[in-house]
Amino acid sequence: MPQATAIIPARYASTRFPGKPLALINGLPMIQHVCQRVARAQTVERVIVATDDERIASAVKDFGGEVMMTRADHPTGTDRLAEVAEQIDAELIVNVQGDEPLIAPQMVDQAVAPLQRNPQIKMGTLASRIEQLDDLFNPNVVKLVKDIQGLALYFSRAPIPWARDLSREQLADRLDELKYYRHIGLYVYRREFLLQYPRLPKTPLETLENLEQLRALEHGVRLHVAETQFDCHGVDTPADLERVSRLMAVENRLE
């Protein structure tokens, strides 16, 4: 089965946390933690950091990682990913966020495996079960529904599916039974599709919900959703960095 190349887009500029990829966690830059964890995935044979910033490129080279420079004017991370994809030979490409220093290698494998098994699938992603009612109603937590084959039907910031006949209290009691899902922003693409994706016209639902993955669905793309039991611990602020540092220290003690 084809192995995947993982590409990690990394920008220095960030409104809430400038220089985030180089923030130190246990003495190592965050981007290094991400690279090392993704490299442990069994389905990944190559890990590349895609950046337009020389400071990030230098840090990646210092720890022996592979880096490719990209243009600075890309509107999305997918566009940056596609620029790198044009320059490499890989059937499957994984887009991993550079601010997930606690990413489990198994998450990458879970997302890649369906595309290895089924050549008809052009794109894949991940989801985990929602366990807190507040998350279900939080617009910053993206929800999704999928069909019985594991293909995405829709993504939304709203609670979907809508339990019409249940009160909020009843919904809380049956949350586990009803199987609501949180979207995790890790994507796998067939290279041929990834090169086409940024050129697809933006779509009405994508614009309305401000969710780029809806563009794929509106253009009729089969998008597979693999379920994972692992949690995400993204870093958006310095406070998140402190929380992740504590979690990593606990994890290291348990190993």
C-alpha atoms as a PDB file:
ATOM      1  CA  MET A   1       0.000   0.000   0.000  1.00  0.00           C
ATOM      2  CA  PRO A   2       1.225   3.527  -0.725  1.00  0.00           C
ATOM      3  CA  GLN A   3       2.982   5.376   2.066  1.00  0.00           C
ATOM      4  CA  ALA A   4       2.153   9.013   2.758  1.00  0.00           C
ATOM      5  CA  THR A   5       4.196  12.190   2.877  1.00  0.00           C
ATOM      6  CA  ALA A   6       3.219  14.477   5.740  1.00  0.00           C
ATOM      7  CA  ILE A   7       3.419  18.224   5.157  1.00  0.00           C
ATOM      8  CA  ILE A   8       3.228  20.597   8.115  1.00  0.00           C
ATOM      9  CA  PRO A   9       2.449  24.212   7.129  1.00  0.00           C
ATOM     10  CA  ALA A  10       4.081  26.608   9.593  1.00  0.00           C
ATOM     11  CA  ARG A  11       3.703  30.395   9.687  1.00  0.00           C
ATOM     12  CA  TYR A  12       5.557  32.760  11.992  1.00  0.00           C
ATOM     13  CA  ALA A  13       2.863  35.431  11.925  1.00  0.00           C
ATOM     14  CA  SER A  14      -0.079  34.840  14.236  1.00  0.00           C
ATOM     15  CA  THR A  15      -2.498  37.405  15.621  1.00  0.00           C
ATOM     16  CA  ARG A  16      -2.867  35.698  18.985  1.00  0.00           C
ATOM     17  CA  PHE A  17       0.579  34.084  19.257  1.00  0.00           C
ATOM     18  CA  PRO A  18       3.376  35.399  16.991  1.00  0.00           C
ATOM     19  CA  GLY A  19       6.249  32.952  16.521  1.00  0.00           C
ATOM     20  CA  LYS A  20       4.126  30.049  17.722  1.00  0.00           C
ATOM     21  CA  PRO A  21       5.989  27.260  15.829  1.00  0.00           C
ATOM     22  CA  LEU A  22       9.217  28.211  17.626  1.00  0.00           C
ATOM     23  CA  ALA A  23       7.720  28.403  21.123  1.00  0.00           C
ATOM     24  CA  LEU A  24       9.631  26.099  23.437  1.00  0.00           C
ATOM     25  CA  ILE A  25       8.017  23.105  25.110  1.00  0.00           C
ATOM     26  CA  ASN A  26      10.309  21.180  27.425  1.00  0.00           C
ATOM     27  CA  GLY A  27      13.271  22.893  25.775  1.00  0.00           C
ATOM     28  CA  LEU A  28      12.335  22.048  22.175  1.00  0.00           C
ATOM     29  CA  PRO A  29      10.477  24.180  19.606  1.00  0.00           C
ATOM     30  CA  MET A  30       6.865  23.179  19.100  1.00  0.00           C
ATOM     31  CA  ILE A  31       7.414  22.407  15.424  1.00  0.00           C
ATOM     32  CA  GLN A  32      10.025  19.819  16.407  1.00  0.00           C
ATOM     33  CA  HIS A  33       7.571  18.005  18.678  1.00  0.00           C
ATOM     34  CA  VAL A  34       5.044  17.867  15.841  1.00  0.00           C
ATOM     35  CA  CYS A  35       7.583  16.585  13.306  1.00  0.00           C
ATOM     36  CA  GLN A  36       8.925  13.883  15.605  1.00  0.00           C
ATOM     37  CA  ARG A  37       5.482  12.576  16.498  1.00  0.00           C
ATOM     38  CA  VAL A  38       4.236  12.524  12.919  1.00  0.00           C
ATOM     39  CA  ALA A  39       7.411  10.710  11.813  1.00  0.00           C
ATOM     40  CA  ARG A  40       6.470   7.854  14.163  1.00  0.00           C
ATOM     41  CA  ALA A  41       3.280   7.131  12.186  1.00  0.00           C
ATOM     42  CA  GLN A  42       3.559   3.788  10.421  1.00  0.00           C
ATOM     43  CA  THR A  43       1.927   5.118   7.234  1.00  0.00           C
ATOM     44  CA  VAL A  44       4.317   8.075   6.846  1.00  0.00           C
ATOM     45  CA  GLU A  45       7.633   7.808   5.012  1.00  0.00           C
ATOM     46  CA  ARG A  46       8.525  11.513   4.805  1.00  0.00           C
ATOM     47  CA  VAL A  47       7.817  14.642   6.859  1.00  0.00           C
ATOM     48  CA  ILE A  48       8.214  18.129   5.383  1.00  0.00           C
ATOM     49  CA  VAL A  49       7.713  21.503   7.044  1.00  0.00           C
ATOM     50  CA  ALA A  50       6.314  24.094   4.605  1.00  0.00           C
ATOM     51  CA  THR A  51       7.069  27.683   5.600  1.00  0.00           C
ATOM     52  CA  ASP A  52       7.715  31.136   4.216  1.00  0.00           C
ATOM     53  CA  ASP A  53       9.804  32.180   7.223  1.00  0.00           C
ATOM     54  CA  GLU A  54      13.579  31.759   7.411  1.00  0.00           C
ATOM     55  CA  ARG A  55      13.532  31.568  11.214  1.00  0.00           C
ATOM     56  CA  ILE A  56      11.283  28.529  11.131  1.00  0.00           C
ATOM     57  CA  ALA A  57      13.295  26.986   8.287  1.00  0.00           C
ATOM     58  CA  SER A  58      16.519  27.426  10.263  1.00  0.00           C
ATOM     59  CA  ALA A  59      15.032  25.834  13.383  1.00  0.00           C
ATOM     60  CA  VAL A  60      13.802  22.818  11.390  1.00  0.00           C
ATOM     61  CA  LYS A  61      17.215  22.331   9.800  1.00  0.00           C
ATOM     62  CA  ASP A  62      18.856  22.575  13.226  1.00  0.00           C
ATOM     63  CA  PHE A  63      16.994  19.491  14.486  1.00  0.00           C
ATOM     64  CA  GLY A  64      17.565  17.603  11.233  1.00  0.00           C
ATOM     65  CA  GLY A  65      14.108  18.053   9.755  1.00  0.00           C
ATOM     66  CA  GLU A  66      13.224  18.622   6.131  1.00  0.00           C
ATOM     67  CA  VAL A  67      11.864  22.014   5.120  1.00  0.00           C
ATOM     68  CA  MET A  68      10.610  23.601   1.902  1.00  0.00           C
ATOM     69  CA  MET A  69      10.199  27.335   1.430  1.00  0.00           C
ATOM     70  CA  THR A  70       6.924  28.553  -0.013  1.00  0.00           C
ATOM     71  CA  ARG A  71       5.444  31.836  -1.184  1.00  0.00           C
ATOM     72  CA  ALA A  72       4.219  34.203   1.495  1.00  0.00           C
ATOM     73  CA  ASP A  73       0.968  35.170  -0.213  1.00  0.00           C
ATOM     74  CA  HIS A  74      -1.009  31.939   0.146  1.00  0.00           C
ATOM     75  CA  PRO A  75      -4.565  32.627   1.363  1.00  0.00           C
ATOM     76  CA  THR A  76      -4.869  29.219   3.104  1.00  0.00           C
ATOM     77  CA  GLY A  77      -2.725  26.403   4.396  1.00  0.00           C
ATOM     78  CA  THR A  78      -4.131  24.180   1.647  1.00  0.00           C
ATOM     79  CA  ASP A  79      -2.652  26.486  -0.990  1.00  0.00           C
ATOM     80  CA  ARG A  80       0.728  26.265   0.744  1.00  0.00           C
ATOM     81  CA  LEU A  81       0.365  22.492   0.864  1.00  0.00           C
ATOM     82  CA  ALA A  82      -0.381  22.323  -2.861  1.00  0.00           C
ATOM     83  CA  GLU A  83       2.726  24.358  -3.705  1.00  0.00           C
ATOM     84  CA  VAL A  84       4.886  21.761  -1.953  1.00  0.00           C
ATOM     85  CA  ALA A  85       2.900  18.871  -3.455  1.00  0.00           C
ATOM     86  CA  GLU A  86       3.777  20.099  -6.933  1.00  0.00           C
ATOM     87  CA  GLN A  87       7.455  19.537  -6.150  1.00  0.00           C
ATOM     88  CA  ILE A  88       7.355  16.035  -4.666  1.00  0.00           C
ATOM     89  CA  ASP A  89       6.466  12.518  -5.767  1.00  0.00           C
ATOM     90  CA  ALA A  90       3.864  11.095  -3.383  1.00  0.00           C
ATOM     91  CA  GLU A  91       0.489   9.474  -3.961  1.00  0.00           C
ATOM     92  CA  LEU A  92      -0.880  10.395  -0.521  1.00  0.00           C
ATOM     93  CA  ILE A  93      -0.248  13.661   1.308  1.00  0.00           C
ATOM     94  CA  VAL A  94      -1.166  14.362   4.919  1.00  0.00           C
ATOM     95  CA  ASN A  95      -1.808  17.891   6.127  1.00  0.00           C
ATOM     96  CA  VAL A  96      -0.880  18.113   9.809  1.00  0.00           C
ATOM     97  CA  GLN A  97      -1.339  21.301  11.804  1.00  0.00           C
ATOM     98  CA  GLY A  98       1.913  22.698  13.177  1.00  0.00           C
ATOM     99  CA  ASP A  99       0.294  23.660  16.481  1.00  0.00           C
ATOM    100  CA  GLU A 100      -0.549  20.104  17.626  1.00  0.00           C
ATOM    101  CA  PRO A 101       2.573  19.128  19.626  1.00  0.00           C
ATOM    102  CA  LEU A 102       0.731  16.268  21.357  1.00  0.00           C
ATOM    103  CA  ILE A 103      -0.596  14.682  18.176  1.00  0.00           C
ATOM    104  CA  ALA A 104      -0.665  10.891  18.434  1.00  0.00           C
ATOM    105  CA  PRO A 105       1.048   9.092  15.524  1.00  0.00           C
ATOM    106  CA  GLN A 106      -1.914   6.707  15.483  1.00  0.00           C
ATOM    107  CA  MET A 107      -4.189   9.582  14.451  1.00  0.00           C
ATOM    108  CA  VAL A 108      -2.240   9.971  11.218  1.00  0.00           C
ATOM    109  CA  ASP A 109      -2.466   6.232  10.564  1.00  0.00           C
ATOM    110  CA  GLN A 110      -6.202   6.205  11.227  1.00  0.00           C
ATOM    111  CA  ALA A 111      -6.754   8.972   8.674  1.00  0.00           C
ATOM    112  CA  VAL A 112      -4.447   7.510   6.013  1.00  0.00           C
ATOM    113  CA  ALA A 113      -5.620   3.878   6.170  1.00  0.00           C
ATOM    114  CA  PRO A 114      -8.989   4.343   4.358  1.00  0.00           C
ATOM    115  CA  LEU A 115      -7.265   5.981   1.375  1.00  0.00           C
ATOM    116  CA  GLN A 116      -4.731   3.159   1.270  1.00  0.00           C
ATOM    117  CA  ARG A 117      -7.555   0.618   1.116  1.00  0.00           C
ATOM    118  CA  ASN A 118      -9.915   2.435  -1.243  1.00  0.00           C
ATOM    119  CA  PRO A 119      -8.465   4.240  -4.289  1.00  0.00           C
ATOM    120  CA  GLN A 120     -11.847   5.895  -4.936  1.00  0.00           C
ATOM    121  CA  ILE A 121     -11.491   8.124  -1.870  1.00  0.00           C
ATOM    122  CA  LYS A 122      -9.823  11.418  -2.756  1.00  0.00           C
ATOM    123  CA  MET A 123      -9.742  13.032   0.682  1.00  0.00           C
ATOM    124  CA  GLY A 124      -9.915  11.955   4.308  1.00  0.00           C
ATOM    125  CA  THR A 125     -10.067  13.487   7.765  1.00  0.00           C
ATOM    126  CA  LEU A 126     -10.688  12.628  11.425  1.00  0.00           C
ATOM    127  CA  ALA A 127     -13.416  12.983  14.023  1.00  0.00           C
ATOM    128  CA  SER A 128     -13.797  12.185  17.714  1.00  0.00           C
ATOM    129  CA  ARG A 129     -16.867  11.762  19.883  1.00  0.00           C
ATOM    130  CA  ILE A 130     -18.280  14.846  21.603  1.00  0.00           C
ATOM    131  CA  GLU A 131     -18.637  14.157  25.317  1.00  0.00           C
ATOM    132  CA  GLN A 132     -19.607  17.579  26.679  1.00  0.00           C
ATOM    133  CA  LEU A 133     -22.869  19.361  25.884  1.00  0.00           C
ATOM    134  CA  ASP A 134     -21.107  22.742  25.890  1.00  0.00           C
ATOM    135  CA  ASP A 135     -18.884  21.540  23.036  1.00  0.00           C
ATOM    136  CA  LEU A 136     -21.930  20.555  21.013  1.00  0.00           C
ATOM    137  CA  PHE A 137     -23.276  24.119  21.178  1.00  0.00           C
ATOM    138  CA  ASN A 138     -19.886  25.846  20.836  1.00  0.00           C
ATOM    139  CA  PRO A 139     -19.540  27.345  17.308  1.00  0.00           C
ATOM    140  CA  ASN A 140     -15.757  27.043  17.559  1.00  0.00           C
ATOM    141  CA  VAL A 141     -16.133  23.260  17.789  1.00  0.00           C
ATOM    142  CA  VAL A 142     -16.903  22.053  14.276  1.00  0.00           C
ATOM    143  CA  LYS A 143     -19.413  19.219  14.131  1.00  0.00           C
ATOM    144  CA  LEU A 144     -20.023  16.698  11.359  1.00  0.00           C
ATOM    145  CA  VAL A 145     -22.368  13.965  10.238  1.00  0.00           C
ATOM    146  CA  LYS A 146     -21.377  11.009   8.071  1.00  0.00           C
ATOM    147  CA  ASP A 147     -23.085   8.165   6.237  1.00  0.00           C
ATOM    148  CA  ILE A 148     -22.907   4.465   7.084  1.00  0.00           C
ATOM    149  CA  GLN A 149     -19.803   4.096   4.898  1.00  0.00           C
ATOM    150  CA  GLY A 150     -17.958   6.756   6.879  1.00  0.00           C
ATOM    151  CA  LEU A 151     -18.249   9.447   4.195  1.00  0.00           C
ATOM    152  CA  ALA A 152     -18.935  13.007   5.313  1.00  0.00           C
ATOM    153  CA  LEU A 153     -22.420  14.362   4.697  1.00  0.00           C
ATOM    154  CA  TYR A 154     -21.924  17.807   6.217  1.00  0.00           C
ATOM    155  CA  PHE A 155     -19.766  19.918   8.531  1.00  0.00           C
ATOM    156  CA  SER A 156     -21.217  22.734  10.616  1.00  0.00           C
ATOM    157  CA  ARG A 157     -20.566  25.060  13.514  1.00  0.00           C
ATOM    158  CA  ALA A 158     -24.136  24.333  14.624  1.00  0.00           C
ATOM    159  CA  PRO A 159     -25.181  21.208  16.571  1.00  0.00           C
ATOM    160  CA  ILE A 160     -25.835  18.542  13.945  1.00  0.00           C
ATOM    161  CA  PRO A 161     -27.876  16.420  13.707  1.00  0.00           C
ATOM    162  CA  TRP A 162     -30.543  18.487  15.454  1.00  0.00           C
ATOM    163  CA  ALA A 163     -32.435  16.471  18.088  1.00  0.00           C
ATOM    164  CA  ARG A 164     -35.837  18.047  17.416  1.00  0.00           C
ATOM    165  CA  ASP A 165     -37.803  16.277  20.146  1.00  0.00           C
ATOM    166  CA  LEU A 166     -35.250  16.404  22.974  1.00  0.00           C
ATOM    167  CA  SER A 167     -34.822  19.097  25.597  1.00  0.00           C
ATOM    168  CA  ARG A 168     -31.328  20.270  26.440  1.00  0.00           C
ATOM    169  CA  GLU A 169     -31.423  18.158  29.612  1.00  0.00           C
ATOM    170  CA  GLN A 170     -32.543  15.048  27.709  1.00  0.00           C
ATOM    171  CA  LEU A 171     -29.877  15.646  25.110  1.00  0.00           C
ATOM    172  CA  ALA A 172     -27.207  15.829  27.820  1.00  0.00           C
ATOM    173  CA  ASP A 173     -28.371  12.480  29.219  1.00  0.00           C
ATOM    174  CA  ARG A 174     -28.240  10.802  25.800  1.00  0.00           C
ATOM    175  CA  LEU A 175     -25.155  12.505  24.353  1.00  0.00           C
ATOM    176  CA  ASP A 176     -23.077   9.327  24.307  1.00  0.00           C
ATOM    177  CA  GLU A 177     -25.880   7.243  22.825  1.00  0.00           C
ATOM    178  CA  LEU A 178     -26.577   9.737  20.023  1.00  0.00           C
ATOM    179  CA  LYS A 179     -22.926   9.826  18.886  1.00  0.00           C
ATOM    180  CA  TYR A 180     -22.176  13.429  18.066  1.00  0.00           C
ATOM    181  CA  TYR A 181     -18.819  14.055  16.397  1.00  0.00           C
ATOM    182  CA  ARG A 182     -16.200  16.795  16.590  1.00  0.00           C
ATOM    183  CA  HIS A 183     -14.127  17.425  13.472  1.00  0.00           C
ATOM    184  CA  ILE A 184     -10.335  17.250  13.813  1.00  0.00           C
ATOM    185  CA  GLY A 185      -8.440  19.312  11.264  1.00  0.00           C
ATOM    186  CA  LEU A 186      -6.062  16.661   9.979  1.00  0.00           C
ATOM    187  CA  TYR A 187      -6.485  15.889   6.269  1.00  0.00           C
ATOM    188  CA  VAL A 188      -5.231  13.274   3.820  1.00  0.00           C
ATOM    189  CA  TYR A 189      -5.324  13.925   0.073  1.00  0.00           C
ATOM    190  CA  ARG A 190      -4.499  12.090  -3.075  1.00  0.00           C
ATOM    191  CA  ARG A 191      -1.859  14.296  -4.643  1.00  0.00           C
ATOM    192  CA  GLU A 192      -3.766  14.638  -7.915  1.00  0.00           C
ATOM    193  CA  PHE A 193      -6.812  15.990  -6.085  1.00  0.00           C
ATOM    194  CA  LEU A 194      -4.793  18.253  -3.792  1.00  0.00           C
ATOM    195  CA  LEU A 195      -3.298  20.014  -6.802  1.00  0.00           C
ATOM    196  CA  GLN A 196      -6.827  20.687  -8.101  1.00  0.00           C
ATOM    197  CA  TYR A 197      -8.439  21.604  -4.779  1.00  0.00           C
ATOM    198  CA  PRO A 198      -7.228  25.219  -4.353  1.00  0.00           C
ATOM    199  CA  ARG A 199      -8.387  25.951  -7.896  1.00  0.00           C
ATOM    200  CA  LEU A 200     -11.974  24.872  -7.218  1.00  0.00           C
ATOM    201  CA  PRO A 201     -14.291  27.876  -6.925  1.00  0.00           C
ATOM    202  CA  LYS A 202     -15.334  28.805  -3.398  1.00  0.00           C
ATOM    203  CA  THR A 203     -18.832  27.574  -2.631  1.00  0.00           C
ATOM    204  CA  PRO A 204     -21.867  29.096  -0.896  1.00  0.00           C
ATOM    205  CA  LEU A 205     -21.876  26.805   2.139  1.00  0.00           C
ATOM    206  CA  GLU A 206     -18.113  27.146   2.574  1.00  0.00           C
ATOM    207  CA  THR A 207     -18.545  30.913   2.667  1.00  0.00           C
ATOM    208  CA  LEU A 208     -21.578  30.807   4.957  1.00  0.00           C
ATOM    209  CA  GLU A 209     -20.030  28.506   7.590  1.00  0.00           C
ATOM    210  CA  ASN A 210     -16.429  29.644   6.983  1.00  0.00           C
ATOM    211  CA  LEU A 211     -15.360  25.991   6.681  1.00  0.00           C
ATOM    212  CA  GLU A 212     -13.043  25.236   3.772  1.00  0.00           C
ATOM    213  CA  GLN A 213     -13.768  21.483   3.772  1.00  0.00           C
ATOM    214  CA  LEU A 214     -17.337  22.195   2.643  1.00  0.00           C
ATOM    215  CA  ARG A 215     -15.901  23.187  -0.732  1.00  0.00           C
ATOM    216  CA  ALA A 216     -14.976  19.545  -1.309  1.00  0.00           C
ATOM    217  CA  LEU A 217     -18.455  18.313  -0.421  1.00  0.00           C
ATOM    218  CA  GLU A 218     -20.198  20.919  -2.562  1.00  0.00           C
ATOM    219  CA  HIS A 219     -18.083  19.829  -5.527  1.00  0.00           C
ATOM    220  CA  GLY A 220     -19.114  16.196  -4.998  1.00  0.00           C
ATOM    221  CA  VAL A 221     -15.842  14.889  -3.533  1.00  0.00           C
ATOM    222  CA  ARG A 222     -15.914  11.680  -1.471  1.00  0.00           C
ATOM    223  CA  LEU A 223     -14.471  12.726   1.899  1.00  0.00           C
ATOM    224  CA  HIS A 224     -13.878   9.876   4.330  1.00  0.00           C
ATOM    225  CA  VAL A 225     -14.103  10.482   8.083  1.00  0.00           C
ATOM    226  CA  ALA A 226     -12.151   8.111  10.328  1.00  0.00           C
ATOM    227  CA  GLU A 227     -13.004   8.031  14.021  1.00  0.00           C
ATOM    228  CA  THR A 228     -10.249   8.423  16.597  1.00  0.00           C
ATOM    229  CA  GLN A 229     -10.221   7.972  20.338  1.00  0.00           C
ATOM    230  CA  PHE A 230      -7.287  10.356  20.768  1.00  0.00           C
ATOM    231  CA  ASP A 231      -7.675  13.935  21.964  1.00  0.00           C
ATOM    232  CA  CYS A 232      -6.358  17.080  20.312  1.00  0.00           C
ATOM    233  CA  HIS A 233      -4.475  19.727  22.240  1.00  0.00           C
ATOM    234  CA  GLY A 234      -3.918  22.585  19.832  1.00  0.00           C
ATOM    235  CA  VAL A 235      -1.936  25.672  20.810  1.00  0.00           C
ATOM    236  CA  ASP A 236      -3.526  29.008  19.920  1.00  0.00           C
ATOM    237  CA  THR A 237      -2.390  31.148  22.858  1.00  0.00           C
ATOM    238  CA  PRO A 238       0.442  31.264  25.442  1.00  0.00           C
ATOM    239  CA  ALA A 239      -2.035  29.843  27.959  1.00  0.00           C
ATOM    240  CA  ASP A 240      -2.541  26.827  25.677  1.00  0.00           C
ATOM    241  CA  LEU A 241       1.226  26.402  25.558  1.00  0.00           C
ATOM    242  CA  GLU A 242       1.417  26.183  29.341  1.00  0.00           C
ATOM    243  CA  ARG A 243      -1.391  23.614  29.397  1.00  0.00           C
ATOM    244  CA  VAL A 244       0.303  21.475  26.729  1.00  0.00           C
ATOM    245  CA  SER A 245       3.614  21.682  28.578  1.00  0.00           C
ATOM    246  CA  ARG A 246       1.956  20.263  31.698  1.00  0.00           C
ATOM    247  CA  LEU A 247       0.264  17.504  29.722  1.00  0.00           C
ATOM    248  CA  MET A 248       3.534  16.586  28.029  1.00  0.00           C
ATOM    249  CA  ALA A 249       5.329  16.436  31.362  1.00  0.00           C
ATOM    250  CA  VAL A 250       2.677  14.010  32.653  1.00  0.00           C
ATOM    251  CA  GLU A 251       2.942  11.952  29.475  1.00  0.00           C
ATOM    252  CA  ASN A 252       6.729  11.715  29.808  1.00  0.00           C
ATOM    253  CA  ARG A 253       6.420  10.506  33.389  1.00  0.00           C
ATOM    254  CA  LEU A 254       4.034   7.765  32.307  1.00  0.00           C
ATOM    255  CA  GLU A 255       6.283   6.463  29.534  1.00  0.00           C
END
